[in-house]
Amino acid sequence: MNDFQAAIPFPIKWAVNPNKFDENGKNPVQLALFIPTESVVAFAQYLMDMADDQSKARTGKVWDYKNNEEKEITGFYLNAKGKIGNEGTFGNINPAKVKTSNELAF
């Protein structure tokens, strides 16, 4: 029996394609996310629930534009499976619902 409960009504579609606005090979590809309107509020709530549950937090490196350097901070990875097809690399993001402290109390 599958106990998967999606956090959002419709999955988010992602695609990696050639960057039409590339500047001389500096950024040859782009990531595009299509977030269905019906999933926006639920996805925002999913992110807030993740922030409330620090057990899933990990350390990662991001670029700090203010100081022009890489910085190690705490955050969350959003992973998704994908495929390579005729139109590029693509897939869906369909996160599992996060059990909140209110739900765990019952």
C-alpha atoms as a PDB file:
ATOM      1  CA  MET A   1       0.000   0.000   0.000  1.00  0.00           C
ATOM      2  CA  ASN A   2       1.394   3.385  -1.003  1.00  0.00           C
ATOM      3  CA  ASP A   3       1.238   5.957   1.825  1.00  0.00           C
ATOM      4  CA  PHE A   4       2.505   8.820  -0.329  1.00  0.00           C
ATOM      5  CA  GLN A   5       0.620  12.066   0.273  1.00  0.00           C
ATOM      6  CA  ALA A   6       1.545  14.874  -2.103  1.00  0.00           C
ATOM      7  CA  ALA A   7       2.185  18.316  -0.650  1.00  0.00           C
ATOM      8  CA  ILE A   8       0.769  20.080  -3.715  1.00  0.00           C
ATOM      9  CA  PRO A   9      -2.312  19.477  -5.906  1.00  0.00           C
ATOM     10  CA  PHE A  10      -0.370  19.356  -9.197  1.00  0.00           C
ATOM     11  CA  PRO A  11       3.362  18.675  -9.668  1.00  0.00           C
ATOM     12  CA  ILE A  12       5.823  21.361 -10.683  1.00  0.00           C
ATOM     13  CA  LYS A  13       7.394  20.773 -14.089  1.00  0.00           C
ATOM     14  CA  TRP A  14      11.088  21.538 -14.543  1.00  0.00           C
ATOM     15  CA  ALA A  15      13.228  21.615 -17.643  1.00  0.00           C
ATOM     16  CA  VAL A  16      16.853  22.328 -18.450  1.00  0.00           C
ATOM     17  CA  ASN A  17      17.318  23.744 -21.941  1.00  0.00           C
ATOM     18  CA  PRO A  18      19.771  25.890 -23.868  1.00  0.00           C
ATOM     19  CA  ASN A  19      19.794  29.451 -22.567  1.00  0.00           C
ATOM     20  CA  LYS A  20      18.452  31.767 -25.283  1.00  0.00           C
ATOM     21  CA  PHE A  21      20.014  34.727 -23.495  1.00  0.00           C
ATOM     22  CA  ASP A  22      23.493  33.237 -23.017  1.00  0.00           C
ATOM     23  CA  GLU A  23      26.356  35.717 -23.020  1.00  0.00           C
ATOM     24  CA  ASN A  24      29.243  34.143 -24.935  1.00  0.00           C
ATOM     25  CA  GLY A  25      29.045  30.737 -23.254  1.00  0.00           C
ATOM     26  CA  LYS A  26      28.926  32.145 -19.717  1.00  0.00           C
ATOM     27  CA  ASN A  27      25.575  30.484 -18.927  1.00  0.00           C
ATOM     28  CA  PRO A  28      24.800  28.008 -21.719  1.00  0.00           C
ATOM     29  CA  VAL A  29      21.785  26.352 -20.050  1.00  0.00           C
ATOM     30  CA  GLN A  30      18.802  27.518 -18.043  1.00  0.00           C
ATOM     31  CA  LEU A  31      16.478  25.865 -15.542  1.00  0.00           C
ATOM     32  CA  ALA A  32      12.794  26.624 -15.967  1.00  0.00           C
ATOM     33  CA  LEU A  33      10.099  25.795 -13.414  1.00  0.00           C
ATOM     34  CA  PHE A  34       6.399  25.735 -14.260  1.00  0.00           C
ATOM     35  CA  ILE A  35       4.370  26.015 -11.053  1.00  0.00           C
ATOM     36  CA  PRO A  36       0.642  25.488 -11.597  1.00  0.00           C
ATOM     37  CA  THR A  37      -1.461  28.295 -10.148  1.00  0.00           C
ATOM     38  CA  GLU A  38      -3.411  25.740  -8.117  1.00  0.00           C
ATOM     39  CA  SER A  39      -0.160  24.610  -6.435  1.00  0.00           C
ATOM     40  CA  VAL A  40       1.385  27.976  -5.518  1.00  0.00           C
ATOM     41  CA  VAL A  41      -0.115  28.362  -2.032  1.00  0.00           C
ATOM     42  CA  ALA A  42       0.399  24.682  -1.162  1.00  0.00           C
ATOM     43  CA  PHE A  43       4.022  24.840  -2.374  1.00  0.00           C
ATOM     44  CA  ALA A  44       4.640  27.944  -0.248  1.00  0.00           C
ATOM     45  CA  GLN A  45       3.149  26.093   2.732  1.00  0.00           C
ATOM     46  CA  TYR A  46       5.370  23.085   1.976  1.00  0.00           C
ATOM     47  CA  LEU A  47       8.445  25.352   2.107  1.00  0.00           C
ATOM     48  CA  MET A  48       7.253  26.902   5.383  1.00  0.00           C
ATOM     49  CA  ASP A  49       6.690  23.424   6.855  1.00  0.00           C
ATOM     50  CA  MET A  50      10.215  22.440   5.795  1.00  0.00           C
ATOM     51  CA  ALA A  51      11.604  25.534   7.518  1.00  0.00           C
ATOM     52  CA  ASP A  52       9.711  24.606  10.695  1.00  0.00           C
ATOM     53  CA  ASP A  53      11.147  21.053  10.643  1.00  0.00           C
ATOM     54  CA  GLN A  54      14.899  21.608  10.857  1.00  0.00           C
ATOM     55  CA  SER A  55      15.525  17.831  10.965  1.00  0.00           C
ATOM     56  CA  LYS A  56      15.668  17.884   7.156  1.00  0.00           C
ATOM     57  CA  ALA A  57      18.023  20.891   6.978  1.00  0.00           C
ATOM     58  CA  ARG A  58      21.452  20.381   5.425  1.00  0.00           C
ATOM     59  CA  THR A  59      24.546  22.489   4.886  1.00  0.00           C
ATOM     60  CA  GLY A  60      25.235  23.718   1.387  1.00  0.00           C
ATOM     61  CA  LYS A  61      27.161  26.401  -0.458  1.00  0.00           C
ATOM     62  CA  VAL A  62      25.563  29.357  -2.237  1.00  0.00           C
ATOM     63  CA  TRP A  63      26.929  32.484  -3.869  1.00  0.00           C
ATOM     64  CA  ASP A  64      26.806  35.625  -1.709  1.00  0.00           C
ATOM     65  CA  TYR A  65      26.464  38.436  -4.272  1.00  0.00           C
ATOM     66  CA  LYS A  66      26.812  41.141  -1.618  1.00  0.00           C
ATOM     67  CA  ASN A  67      30.278  39.949  -0.582  1.00  0.00           C
ATOM     68  CA  ASN A  68      31.167  38.349  -3.947  1.00  0.00           C
ATOM     69  CA  GLU A  69      32.065  34.995  -2.406  1.00  0.00           C
ATOM     70  CA  GLU A  70      30.776  31.499  -1.813  1.00  0.00           C
ATOM     71  CA  LYS A  71      29.146  31.032   1.584  1.00  0.00           C
ATOM     72  CA  GLU A  72      28.157  27.913   3.508  1.00  0.00           C
ATOM     73  CA  ILE A  73      24.627  28.102   4.934  1.00  0.00           C
ATOM     74  CA  THR A  74      21.816  25.849   6.142  1.00  0.00           C
ATOM     75  CA  GLY A  75      18.969  25.009   3.786  1.00  0.00           C
ATOM     76  CA  PHE A  76      16.923  22.308   2.128  1.00  0.00           C
ATOM     77  CA  TYR A  77      17.471  20.301  -1.025  1.00  0.00           C
ATOM     78  CA  LEU A  78      14.508  19.971  -3.352  1.00  0.00           C
ATOM     79  CA  ASN A  79      15.176  16.821  -5.365  1.00  0.00           C
ATOM     80  CA  ALA A  80      13.336  15.553  -8.418  1.00  0.00           C
ATOM     81  CA  LYS A  81      13.683  12.755 -10.906  1.00  0.00           C
ATOM     82  CA  GLY A  82      14.056  13.562 -14.568  1.00  0.00           C
ATOM     83  CA  LYS A  83      14.447  12.264 -18.084  1.00  0.00           C
ATOM     84  CA  ILE A  84      16.409  13.198 -21.169  1.00  0.00           C
ATOM     85  CA  GLY A  85      14.276  13.495 -24.267  1.00  0.00           C
ATOM     86  CA  ASN A  86      14.154  15.078 -27.705  1.00  0.00           C
ATOM     87  CA  GLU A  87      13.239  18.436 -26.191  1.00  0.00           C
ATOM     88  CA  GLY A  88      15.905  18.446 -23.479  1.00  0.00           C
ATOM     89  CA  THR A  89      16.103  17.353 -19.867  1.00  0.00           C
ATOM     90  CA  PHE A  90      12.849  17.529 -17.916  1.00  0.00           C
ATOM     91  CA  GLY A  91      10.891  16.134 -15.007  1.00  0.00           C
ATOM     92  CA  ASN A  92       8.429  16.822 -12.232  1.00  0.00           C
ATOM     93  CA  ILE A  93       8.733  17.966  -8.645  1.00  0.00           C
ATOM     94  CA  ASN A  94       6.057  16.322  -6.531  1.00  0.00           C
ATOM     95  CA  PRO A  95       7.134  16.655  -2.884  1.00  0.00           C
ATOM     96  CA  ALA A  96       5.655  14.542  -0.121  1.00  0.00           C
ATOM     97  CA  LYS A  97       3.644  16.365   2.480  1.00  0.00           C
ATOM     98  CA  VAL A  98       5.643  17.286   5.588  1.00  0.00           C
ATOM     99  CA  LYS A  99       4.125  16.148   8.853  1.00  0.00           C
ATOM    100  CA  THR A 100       3.789  19.270  10.991  1.00  0.00           C
ATOM    101  CA  SER A 101       3.994  19.322  14.787  1.00  0.00           C
ATOM    102  CA  ASN A 102       0.226  19.902  14.916  1.00  0.00           C
ATOM    103  CA  GLU A 103      -0.423  16.749  12.875  1.00  0.00           C
ATOM    104  CA  LEU A 104       2.010  14.671  14.930  1.00  0.00           C
ATOM    105  CA  ALA A 105       0.240  15.608  18.173  1.00  0.00           C
ATOM    106  CA  PHE A 106      -2.897  13.595  17.256  1.00  0.00           C
END
